[in-house]
C-alpha atoms as a PDB file:
ATOM      1  CA  MET A   1      16.064 -66.248 -17.353  1.00  0.00           C
ATOM      2  CA  ARG A   2      15.839 -67.163 -20.949  1.00  0.00           C
ATOM      3  CA  ALA A   3      12.999 -64.108 -21.795  1.00  0.00           C
ATOM      4  CA  ILE A   4      15.655 -61.555 -20.155  1.00  0.00           C
ATOM      5  CA  ASN A   5      18.487 -62.963 -22.364  1.00  0.00           C
ATOM      6  CA  ILE A   6      15.737 -62.749 -25.645  1.00  0.00           C
ATOM      7  CA  LEU A   7      14.560 -59.333 -24.791  1.00  0.00           C
ATOM      8  CA  ILE A   8      17.774 -58.049 -24.212  1.00  0.00           C
ATOM      9  CA  LEU A   9      18.561 -59.330 -27.608  1.00  0.00           C
ATOM     10  CA  VAL A  10      15.837 -57.559 -29.162  1.00  0.00           C
ATOM     11  CA  VAL A  11      17.026 -54.379 -27.495  1.00  0.00           C
ATOM     12  CA  ILE A  12      20.550 -54.847 -29.246  1.00  0.00           C
ATOM     13  CA  PHE A  13      19.233 -55.949 -32.524  1.00  0.00           C
ATOM     14  CA  ILE A  14      16.618 -52.542 -32.685  1.00  0.00           C
ATOM     15  CA  THR A  15      19.395 -49.952 -31.022  1.00  0.00           C
ATOM     16  CA  LEU A  16      21.772 -51.429 -34.520  1.00  0.00           C
ATOM     17  CA  SER A  17      19.200 -51.149 -36.944  1.00  0.00           C
ATOM     18  CA  CYS A  18      18.061 -47.502 -35.896  1.00  0.00           C
ATOM     19  CA  ASN A  19      21.900 -46.987 -35.644  1.00  0.00           C
ATOM     20  CA  GLU A  20      22.110 -48.181 -39.233  1.00  0.00           C
ATOM     21  CA  LYS A  21      19.444 -45.821 -39.666  1.00  0.00           C
ATOM     22  CA  ILE A  22      21.083 -42.722 -38.698  1.00  0.00           C
ATOM     23  CA  LYS A  23      24.118 -43.538 -40.331  1.00  0.00           C
ATOM     24  CA  GLU A  24      22.331 -43.509 -43.966  1.00  0.00           C
ATOM     25  CA  VAL A  25      20.246 -40.410 -42.991  1.00  0.00           C
ATOM     26  CA  GLU A  26      23.629 -38.890 -42.024  1.00  0.00           C
ATOM     27  CA  LYS A  27      25.012 -39.487 -45.446  1.00  0.00           C
ATOM     28  CA  ASP A  28      24.150 -36.471 -47.816  1.00  0.00           C
ATOM     29  CA  TYR A  29      25.119 -38.476 -50.724  1.00  0.00           C
ATOM     30  CA  ILE A  30      24.635 -41.334 -52.978  1.00  0.00           C
ATOM     31  CA  LEU A  31      26.583 -43.330 -55.449  1.00  0.00           C
ATOM     32  CA  ILE A  32      26.009 -43.118 -59.141  1.00  0.00           C
ATOM     33  CA  ASP A  33      26.611 -45.243 -62.051  1.00  0.00           C
ATOM     34  CA  ASP A  34      29.302 -43.421 -64.564  1.00  0.00           C
ATOM     35  CA  SER A  35      29.663 -45.848 -67.138  1.00  0.00           C
ATOM     36  CA  GLY A  36      31.051 -48.337 -65.075  1.00  0.00           C
ATOM     37  CA  ILE A  37      32.632 -46.455 -62.189  1.00  0.00           C
ATOM     38  CA  SER A  38      30.517 -45.580 -58.829  1.00  0.00           C
ATOM     39  CA  VAL A  39      30.681 -42.006 -58.289  1.00  0.00           C
ATOM     40  CA  GLU A  40      29.467 -39.565 -55.149  1.00  0.00           C
ATOM     41  CA  LYS A  41      26.541 -37.269 -55.979  1.00  0.00           C
ATOM     42  CA  PHE A  42      26.426 -35.288 -52.628  1.00  0.00           C
ATOM     43  CA  ASP A  43      23.191 -33.645 -51.390  1.00  0.00           C
ATOM     44  CA  SER A  44      22.964 -29.986 -53.239  1.00  0.00           C
ATOM     45  CA  THR A  45      23.107 -28.365 -49.283  1.00  0.00           C
ATOM     46  CA  ASN A  46      26.499 -29.824 -49.189  1.00  0.00           C
ATOM     47  CA  VAL A  47      28.719 -27.541 -51.463  1.00  0.00           C
ATOM     48  CA  ASP A  48      32.086 -28.378 -49.236  1.00  0.00           C
ATOM     49  CA  GLN A  49      35.198 -28.455 -51.148  1.00  0.00           C
ATOM     50  CA  ASN A  50      36.878 -30.974 -49.619  1.00  0.00           C
ATOM     51  CA  ARG A  51      33.163 -33.430 -49.830  1.00  0.00           C
ATOM     52  CA  TYR A  52      34.992 -35.967 -52.475  1.00  0.00           C
ATOM     53  CA  THR A  53      37.866 -36.577 -50.103  1.00  0.00           C
ATOM     54  CA  GLN A  54      36.567 -36.519 -46.625  1.00  0.00           C
ATOM     55  CA  ASN A  55      35.163 -40.091 -47.071  1.00  0.00           C
ATOM     56  CA  ASN A  56      38.644 -41.518 -48.165  1.00  0.00           C
ATOM     57  CA  LEU A  57      40.850 -43.867 -46.531  1.00  0.00           C
ATOM     58  CA  THR A  58      43.360 -45.057 -49.298  1.00  0.00           C
ATOM     59  CA  PHE A  59      43.959 -41.535 -51.298  1.00  0.00           C
ATOM     60  CA  LYS A  60      44.129 -39.078 -47.666  1.00  0.00           C
ATOM     61  CA  GLU A  61      44.550 -35.432 -48.077  1.00  0.00           C
ATOM     62  CA  GLY A  62      47.896 -34.805 -47.858  1.00  0.00           C
ATOM     63  CA  VAL A  63      49.097 -38.154 -48.749  1.00  0.00           C
ATOM     64  CA  ILE A  64      52.212 -38.372 -51.498  1.00  0.00           C
ATOM     65  CA  PHE A  65      52.919 -41.728 -53.323  1.00  0.00           C
ATOM     66  CA  THR A  66      56.163 -41.733 -54.983  1.00  0.00           C
ATOM     67  CA  TYR A  67      56.854 -44.114 -58.105  1.00  0.00           C
ATOM     68  CA  ASP A  68      60.320 -45.443 -59.508  1.00  0.00           C
ATOM     69  CA  ILE A  69      60.018 -45.477 -63.776  1.00  0.00           C
ATOM     70  CA  GLU A  70      61.189 -47.402 -66.857  1.00  0.00           C
ATOM     71  CA  HIS A  71      60.623 -47.915 -70.093  1.00  0.00           C
ATOM     72  CA  ILE A  72      61.290 -51.023 -71.595  1.00  0.00           C
ATOM     73  CA  THR A  73      61.423 -51.301 -75.442  1.00  0.00           C
ATOM     74  CA  PRO A  74      60.064 -54.421 -77.357  1.00  0.00           C
ATOM     75  CA  THR A  75      63.883 -55.440 -77.629  1.00  0.00           C
ATOM     76  CA  ASN A  76      64.184 -55.154 -73.782  1.00  0.00           C
ATOM     77  CA  GLU A  77      66.683 -52.047 -73.618  1.00  0.00           C
ATOM     78  CA  LYS A  78      65.632 -49.862 -70.821  1.00  0.00           C
ATOM     79  CA  LEU A  79      65.266 -46.268 -71.316  1.00  0.00           C
ATOM     80  CA  LEU A  80      64.107 -42.624 -69.632  1.00  0.00           C
ATOM     81  CA  PHE A  81      62.963 -39.996 -70.699  1.00  0.00           C
ATOM     82  CA  THR A  82      64.022 -36.116 -70.783  1.00  0.00           C
ATOM     83  CA  TRP A  83      61.707 -33.036 -72.414  1.00  0.00           C
ATOM     84  CA  ASP A  84      62.463 -31.689 -75.533  1.00  0.00           C
ATOM     85  CA  GLU A  85      62.268 -27.557 -75.871  1.00  0.00           C
ATOM     86  CA  SER A  86      62.807 -28.066 -79.799  1.00  0.00           C
ATOM     87  CA  VAL A  87      59.049 -29.956 -80.520  1.00  0.00           C
ATOM     88  CA  LYS A  88      56.198 -27.259 -80.804  1.00  0.00           C
ATOM     89  CA  ASP A  89      53.446 -29.569 -79.690  1.00  0.00           C
ATOM     90  CA  TYR A  90      53.770 -29.103 -75.349  1.00  0.00           C
ATOM     91  CA  MET A  91      52.824 -32.707 -74.658  1.00  0.00           C
ATOM     92  CA  LYS A  92      54.995 -34.299 -77.083  1.00  0.00           C
ATOM     93  CA  ARG A  93      58.217 -32.262 -75.972  1.00  0.00           C
ATOM     94  CA  TRP A  94      59.922 -34.896 -74.695  1.00  0.00           C
ATOM     95  CA  LYS A  95      62.260 -37.892 -76.147  1.00  0.00           C
ATOM     96  CA  PHE A  96      64.185 -41.124 -74.691  1.00  0.00           C
ATOM     97  CA  VAL A  97      66.985 -41.390 -73.288  1.00  0.00           C
ATOM     98  CA  PRO A  98      69.248 -44.643 -72.422  1.00  0.00           C
ATOM     99  CA  THR A  99      69.930 -45.221 -69.021  1.00  0.00           C
ATOM    100  CA  ASP A 100      73.410 -44.690 -69.313  1.00  0.00           C
ATOM    101  CA  SER A 101      73.052 -41.832 -70.930  1.00  0.00           C
ATOM    102  CA  ILE A 102      71.168 -39.309 -68.335  1.00  0.00           C
ATOM    103  CA  ASN A 103      71.243 -35.617 -67.191  1.00  0.00           C
ATOM    104  CA  GLU A 104      69.860 -33.017 -64.770  1.00  0.00           C
ATOM    105  CA  THR A 105      67.024 -32.971 -67.268  1.00  0.00           C
ATOM    106  CA  THR A 106      66.168 -37.044 -66.846  1.00  0.00           C
ATOM    107  CA  ILE A 107      62.595 -37.923 -65.040  1.00  0.00           C
ATOM    108  CA  HIS A 108      63.085 -40.368 -62.416  1.00  0.00           C
ATOM    109  CA  LYS A 109      60.626 -40.426 -60.181  1.00  0.00           C
ATOM    110  CA  VAL A 110      56.645 -39.168 -60.279  1.00  0.00           C
ATOM    111  CA  SER A 111      54.839 -38.226 -57.485  1.00  0.00           C
ATOM    112  CA  ILE A 112      51.328 -37.991 -56.886  1.00  0.00           C
ATOM    113  CA  THR A 113      49.807 -35.613 -53.774  1.00  0.00           C
ATOM    114  CA  VAL A 114      46.760 -35.629 -52.865  1.00  0.00           C
ATOM    115  CA  LYS A 115      44.837 -31.762 -52.552  1.00  0.00           C
ATOM    116  CA  PRO A 116      42.736 -30.292 -50.521  1.00  0.00           C
ATOM    117  CA  GLY A 117      39.757 -28.258 -52.629  1.00  0.00           C
ATOM    118  CA  LEU A 118      38.790 -28.891 -56.185  1.00  0.00           C
ATOM    119  CA  GLU A 119      41.218 -26.235 -57.716  1.00  0.00           C
ATOM    120  CA  PRO A 120      42.183 -25.673 -60.419  1.00  0.00           C
ATOM    121  CA  MET A 121      39.836 -28.488 -62.143  1.00  0.00           C
ATOM    122  CA  ILE A 122      36.559 -27.040 -61.258  1.00  0.00           C
ATOM    123  CA  ASN A 123      37.534 -23.698 -62.139  1.00  0.00           C
ATOM    124  CA  ASN A 124      37.427 -25.559 -65.889  1.00  0.00           C
ATOM    125  CA  ASN A 125      33.899 -27.688 -64.285  1.00  0.00           C
ATOM    126  CA  PRO A 126      31.839 -26.684 -61.824  1.00  0.00           C
ATOM    127  CA  ASP A 127      30.480 -30.374 -61.888  1.00  0.00           C
ATOM    128  CA  TYR A 128      33.509 -31.562 -60.512  1.00  0.00           C
ATOM    129  CA  ASN A 129      33.671 -34.829 -58.831  1.00  0.00           C
ATOM    130  CA  GLN A 130      36.729 -36.170 -57.895  1.00  0.00           C
ATOM    131  CA  THR A 131      39.258 -36.290 -55.421  1.00  0.00           C
ATOM    132  CA  ILE A 132      42.361 -33.876 -56.825  1.00  0.00           C
ATOM    133  CA  ILE A 133      45.828 -35.484 -56.946  1.00  0.00           C
ATOM    134  CA  GLN A 134      48.611 -33.581 -58.985  1.00  0.00           C
ATOM    135  CA  TYR A 135      51.620 -35.127 -60.840  1.00  0.00           C
ATOM    136  CA  GLU A 136      55.361 -33.917 -60.190  1.00  0.00           C
ATOM    137  CA  TYR A 137      57.718 -35.673 -62.206  1.00  0.00           C
ATOM    138  CA  LEU A 138      61.080 -35.746 -60.479  1.00  0.00           C
ATOM    139  CA  LEU A 139      64.905 -34.430 -61.468  1.00  0.00           C
ATOM    140  CA  GLN A 140      67.517 -37.087 -59.827  1.00  0.00           C
ATOM    141  CA  ASN A 141      68.343 -33.833 -57.590  1.00  0.00           C
ATOM    142  CA  GLY A 142      64.343 -34.209 -56.526  1.00  0.00           C
ATOM    143  CA  LYS A 143      62.921 -31.067 -58.380  1.00  0.00           C
ATOM    144  CA  ALA A 144      60.105 -31.142 -60.409  1.00  0.00           C
ATOM    145  CA  PRO A 145      60.373 -29.210 -63.456  1.00  0.00           C
ATOM    146  CA  PHE A 146      56.348 -29.499 -64.680  1.00  0.00           C
ATOM    147  CA  LEU A 147      53.263 -30.868 -62.842  1.00  0.00           C
ATOM    148  CA  SER A 148      49.969 -31.068 -63.684  1.00  0.00           C
ATOM    149  CA  SER A 149      46.736 -31.746 -61.551  1.00  0.00           C
ATOM    150  CA  SER A 150      43.825 -34.835 -62.155  1.00  0.00           C
ATOM    151  CA  GLY A 151      41.360 -36.934 -60.054  1.00  0.00           C
ATOM    152  CA  VAL A 152      41.045 -40.211 -58.309  1.00  0.00           C
ATOM    153  CA  ILE A 153      37.817 -41.131 -57.143  1.00  0.00           C
ATOM    154  CA  GLU A 154      37.190 -43.063 -53.945  1.00  0.00           C
ATOM    155  CA  ASN A 155      34.467 -44.512 -52.368  1.00  0.00           C
ATOM    156  CA  GLU A 156      32.677 -47.625 -50.956  1.00  0.00           C
ATOM    157  CA  ASP A 157      32.402 -48.924 -54.286  1.00  0.00           C
ATOM    158  CA  ASN A 158      35.353 -48.355 -55.808  1.00  0.00           C
ATOM    159  CA  ILE A 159      38.772 -46.797 -56.730  1.00  0.00           C
ATOM    160  CA  TRP A 160      39.418 -45.322 -59.384  1.00  0.00           C
ATOM    161  CA  MET A 161      42.420 -43.435 -60.890  1.00  0.00           C
ATOM    162  CA  HIS A 162      43.497 -41.215 -63.643  1.00  0.00           C
ATOM    163  CA  PRO A 163      47.337 -42.156 -64.464  1.00  0.00           C
ATOM    164  CA  PRO A 164      49.960 -39.922 -65.009  1.00  0.00           C
ATOM    165  CA  ARG A 165      49.409 -38.653 -68.764  1.00  0.00           C
ATOM    166  CA  ASP A 166      51.957 -35.477 -69.449  1.00  0.00           C
ATOM    167  CA  LYS A 167      54.718 -35.854 -72.395  1.00  0.00           C
ATOM    168  CA  TYR A 168      55.888 -39.852 -72.240  1.00  0.00           C
ATOM    169  CA  PHE A 169      53.326 -40.853 -69.951  1.00  0.00           C
ATOM    170  CA  SER A 170      50.614 -40.498 -72.383  1.00  0.00           C
ATOM    171  CA  ILE A 171      51.087 -43.790 -74.074  1.00  0.00           C
ATOM    172  CA  LEU A 172      48.965 -44.697 -70.279  1.00  0.00           C
ATOM    173  CA  GLU A 173      45.671 -43.155 -71.984  1.00  0.00           C
ATOM    174  CA  ILE A 174      44.883 -46.031 -73.667  1.00  0.00           C
ATOM    175  CA  ASN A 175      46.440 -48.320 -71.040  1.00  0.00           C
ATOM    176  CA  PRO A 176      43.608 -49.609 -68.543  1.00  0.00           C
ATOM    177  CA  PHE A 177      43.395 -46.933 -65.791  1.00  0.00           C
ATOM    178  CA  PRO A 178      44.349 -48.045 -61.954  1.00  0.00           C
ATOM    179  CA  TYR A 179      40.861 -49.376 -60.931  1.00  0.00           C
ATOM    180  CA  ILE A 180      39.496 -51.928 -58.430  1.00  0.00           C
ATOM    181  CA  LYS A 181      35.660 -52.282 -57.123  1.00  0.00           C
ATOM    182  CA  THR A 182      34.444 -53.858 -53.920  1.00  0.00           C
ATOM    183  CA  PRO A 183      34.142 -56.721 -52.769  1.00  0.00           C
ATOM    184  CA  TYR A 184      37.871 -56.772 -52.745  1.00  0.00           C
ATOM    185  CA  GLU A 185      37.623 -60.639 -53.313  1.00  0.00           C
ATOM    186  CA  ILE A 186      40.027 -63.069 -55.816  1.00  0.00           C
ATOM    187  CA  GLY A 187      37.741 -63.423 -58.953  1.00  0.00           C
ATOM    188  CA  ASN A 188      35.644 -60.535 -58.635  1.00  0.00           C
ATOM    189  CA  GLU A 189      35.582 -59.232 -62.147  1.00  0.00           C
ATOM    190  CA  TRP A 190      34.323 -55.467 -63.862  1.00  0.00           C
ATOM    191  CA  ASN A 191      34.112 -53.763 -67.066  1.00  0.00           C
ATOM    192  CA  TRP A 192      34.301 -50.070 -68.553  1.00  0.00           C
ATOM    193  CA  THR A 193      34.136 -48.296 -71.259  1.00  0.00           C
ATOM    194  CA  LEU A 194      36.007 -45.071 -72.641  1.00  0.00           C
ATOM    195  CA  GLU A 195      36.296 -42.361 -75.730  1.00  0.00           C
ATOM    196  CA  ILE A 196      40.154 -41.472 -76.839  1.00  0.00           C
ATOM    197  CA  GLY A 197      40.625 -38.717 -78.878  1.00  0.00           C
ATOM    198  CA  ASP A 198      43.364 -38.725 -81.432  1.00  0.00           C
ATOM    199  CA  GLY A 199      45.589 -36.032 -79.587  1.00  0.00           C
ATOM    200  CA  TRP A 200      46.576 -38.893 -77.191  1.00  0.00           C
ATOM    201  CA  SER A 201      48.235 -40.593 -80.638  1.00  0.00           C
ATOM    202  CA  ASP A 202      51.768 -40.633 -81.445  1.00  0.00           C
ATOM    203  CA  LYS A 203      53.641 -42.018 -84.145  1.00  0.00           C
ATOM    204  CA  ARG A 204      56.521 -43.092 -81.525  1.00  0.00           C
ATOM    205  CA  TRP A 205      54.190 -45.700 -80.305  1.00  0.00           C
ATOM    206  CA  LYS A 206      51.071 -45.510 -82.451  1.00  0.00           C
ATOM    207  CA  ALA A 207      48.813 -42.416 -84.567  1.00  0.00           C
ATOM    208  CA  TRP A 208      45.357 -43.020 -85.464  1.00  0.00           C
ATOM    209  CA  GLU A 209      42.768 -40.789 -85.967  1.00  0.00           C
ATOM    210  CA  GLY A 210      39.623 -39.903 -84.804  1.00  0.00           C
ATOM    211  CA  GLN A 211      38.139 -41.148 -81.843  1.00  0.00           C
ATOM    212  CA  ILE A 212      38.378 -44.816 -80.912  1.00  0.00           C
ATOM    213  CA  GLU A 213      36.298 -46.540 -77.910  1.00  0.00           C
ATOM    214  CA  ASN A 214      38.252 -49.089 -75.091  1.00  0.00           C
ATOM    215  CA  LYS A 215      36.754 -51.189 -73.862  1.00  0.00           C
ATOM    216  CA  TYR A 216      38.484 -52.719 -70.371  1.00  0.00           C
ATOM    217  CA  ASN A 217      37.994 -55.788 -68.704  1.00  0.00           C
ATOM    218  CA  TYR A 218      39.252 -56.056 -65.210  1.00  0.00           C
ATOM    219  CA  LYS A 219      39.532 -58.707 -62.804  1.00  0.00           C
ATOM    220  CA  ILE A 220      41.033 -59.502 -58.959  1.00  0.00           C
ATOM    221  CA  THR A 221      43.436 -62.360 -59.536  1.00  0.00           C
ATOM    222  CA  ASP A 222      45.212 -62.938 -56.577  1.00  0.00           C
ATOM    223  CA  ARG A 223      46.415 -61.442 -53.357  1.00  0.00           C
ATOM    224  CA  LYS A 224      50.050 -61.505 -52.817  1.00  0.00           C
ATOM    225  CA  SER A 225      52.966 -60.227 -50.883  1.00  0.00           C
ATOM    226  CA  LEU A 226      54.896 -57.492 -52.766  1.00  0.00           C
ATOM    227  CA  LYS A 227      58.235 -56.551 -51.798  1.00  0.00           C
ATOM    228  CA  THR A 228      59.099 -52.639 -51.770  1.00  0.00           C
ATOM    229  CA  ASN A 229      61.254 -50.253 -50.181  1.00  0.00           C
ATOM    230  CA  LEU A 230      58.672 -49.166 -47.625  1.00  0.00           C
ATOM    231  CA  GLY A 231      58.681 -53.449 -46.549  1.00  0.00           C
ATOM    232  CA  ASP A 232      56.276 -56.534 -47.264  1.00  0.00           C
ATOM    233  CA  ILE A 233      53.138 -54.405 -48.578  1.00  0.00           C
ATOM    234  CA  ASP A 234      50.594 -57.339 -48.869  1.00  0.00           C
ATOM    235  CA  CYS A 235      48.253 -56.689 -52.136  1.00  0.00           C
ATOM    236  CA  TYR A 236      45.338 -57.433 -54.345  1.00  0.00           C
ATOM    237  CA  VAL A 237      46.160 -58.024 -57.734  1.00  0.00           C
ATOM    238  CA  ILE A 238      44.222 -56.851 -60.664  1.00  0.00           C
ATOM    239  CA  GLU A 239      45.023 -58.351 -64.054  1.00  0.00           C
ATOM    240  CA  SER A 240      43.298 -55.732 -66.927  1.00  0.00           C
ATOM    241  CA  THR A 241      42.879 -55.257 -70.790  1.00  0.00           C
ATOM    242  CA  ALA A 242      42.087 -52.855 -72.865  1.00  0.00           C
ATOM    243  CA  ASN A 243      40.660 -53.777 -76.029  1.00  0.00           C
ATOM    244  CA  SER A 244      39.510 -50.675 -79.273  1.00  0.00           C
ATOM    245  CA  ARG A 245      40.223 -50.770 -82.762  1.00  0.00           C
ATOM    246  CA  ILE A 246      43.694 -49.972 -83.075  1.00  0.00           C
ATOM    247  CA  GLY A 247      44.761 -52.980 -80.627  1.00  0.00           C
ATOM    248  CA  GLU A 248      44.657 -54.282 -76.904  1.00  0.00           C
ATOM    249  CA  THR A 249      46.958 -52.829 -73.927  1.00  0.00           C
ATOM    250  CA  LYS A 250      47.003 -54.653 -70.533  1.00  0.00           C
ATOM    251  CA  LEU A 251      47.688 -53.398 -67.271  1.00  0.00           C
ATOM    252  CA  LYS A 252      48.936 -55.714 -63.964  1.00  0.00           C
ATOM    253  CA  ALA A 253      48.448 -54.189 -60.641  1.00  0.00           C
ATOM    254  CA  TYR A 254      48.961 -54.199 -57.307  1.00  0.00           C
ATOM    255  CA  PHE A 255      46.612 -52.739 -54.172  1.00  0.00           C
ATOM    256  CA  SER A 256      46.588 -52.002 -50.877  1.00  0.00           C
ATOM    257  CA  PRO A 257      43.900 -50.370 -48.838  1.00  0.00           C
ATOM    258  CA  GLU A 258      46.503 -48.546 -47.171  1.00  0.00           C
ATOM    259  CA  TYR A 259      49.292 -47.345 -49.616  1.00  0.00           C
ATOM    260  CA  GLY A 260      47.111 -47.802 -52.911  1.00  0.00           C
ATOM    261  CA  PHE A 261      48.139 -48.567 -56.379  1.00  0.00           C
ATOM    262  CA  VAL A 262      51.700 -50.522 -55.253  1.00  0.00           C
ATOM    263  CA  GLN A 263      52.808 -51.270 -58.046  1.00  0.00           C
ATOM    264  CA  LEU A 264      51.686 -50.809 -62.470  1.00  0.00           C
ATOM    265  CA  ASN A 265      52.938 -52.545 -64.622  1.00  0.00           C
ATOM    266  CA  TYR A 266      52.111 -51.680 -68.262  1.00  0.00           C
ATOM    267  CA  THR A 267      52.191 -53.428 -71.455  1.00  0.00           C
ATOM    268  CA  ASN A 268      51.804 -50.709 -74.255  1.00  0.00           C
ATOM    269  CA  ILE A 269      50.071 -50.562 -77.526  1.00  0.00           C
ATOM    270  CA  ASP A 270      54.019 -51.468 -79.164  1.00  0.00           C
ATOM    271  CA  GLY A 271      54.574 -54.573 -76.709  1.00  0.00           C
ATOM    272  CA  SER A 272      56.659 -51.962 -74.729  1.00  0.00           C
ATOM    273  CA  LEU A 273      56.507 -52.012 -71.081  1.00  0.00           C
ATOM    274  CA  THR A 274      55.456 -48.806 -68.370  1.00  0.00           C
ATOM    275  CA  ASN A 275      56.457 -49.905 -65.003  1.00  0.00           C
ATOM    276  CA  LEU A 276      56.014 -47.466 -61.888  1.00  0.00           C
ATOM    277  CA  LYS A 277      56.265 -49.138 -58.567  1.00  0.00           C
ATOM    278  CA  LEU A 278      56.482 -47.489 -55.087  1.00  0.00           C
ATOM    279  CA  SER A 279      59.012 -46.561 -53.649  1.00  0.00           C
ATOM    280  CA  ASP A 280      58.279 -43.701 -50.990  1.00  0.00           C
ATOM    281  CA  TYR A 281      54.722 -42.819 -48.814  1.00  0.00           C
ATOM    282  CA  SER A 282      54.676 -39.604 -47.023  1.00  0.00           C
ATOM    283  CA  LYS A 283      52.113 -37.306 -45.577  1.00  0.00           C
ATOM    284  CA  GLN A 284      52.386 -32.972 -45.815  1.00  0.00           C
END
């Protein structure tokens, strides 16, 4: 009887090993390091425009993440922003407004929608290798006077996302980007670097000339339940810093494998705060 049991275990082990090999053969990409981020590199025969999204578990096609936004000055004044058509530079065509002076042009929320395919990014970069996300900047009536597209990288090794960076949100370019790396365990720590041009500078918080190099450090420091409009969500807490010749910025991010980056608390280069809190989660 013992010999039969041993034989059964051997057969099970061989079967599992074969299944693992089959899985490895079926996976038509490898992960490569891109300046500290793991990105998928697919077999050249795979030209499916949804190939960077099909294996996503968090940023799945059609999911919409909607965030409440707030800006808090170093003197603790809460502000929102509106666009300012009198400014020639499109990226700087906005201005702060106090929360008691809002009108029909004031931006209240930002939504991030996971889109199918690789357009429009592939039109300018045929080697684009990220899941497409679309940002919509929402008025109080829910309409979006402007929108843009960028990308998120998700695979079994990490999730990394471009934050909103239009108009006022260009302040986030010099902060740590939302980023979590496996294993999802307290104490896990990693680094990343990025060069940023002076086109992102703004005298309202910091102006500079030439390139800066942000050096980022990330660490999973806690796991906690966060109260949200969607109920209590169990999150990993990632604390991160970005340092360059112009100073330091910070991001404290709360991440859920189901709901993505549930809350993003930025400390900006001028000491102000930008907070994004998930207020709605839906699917198209």
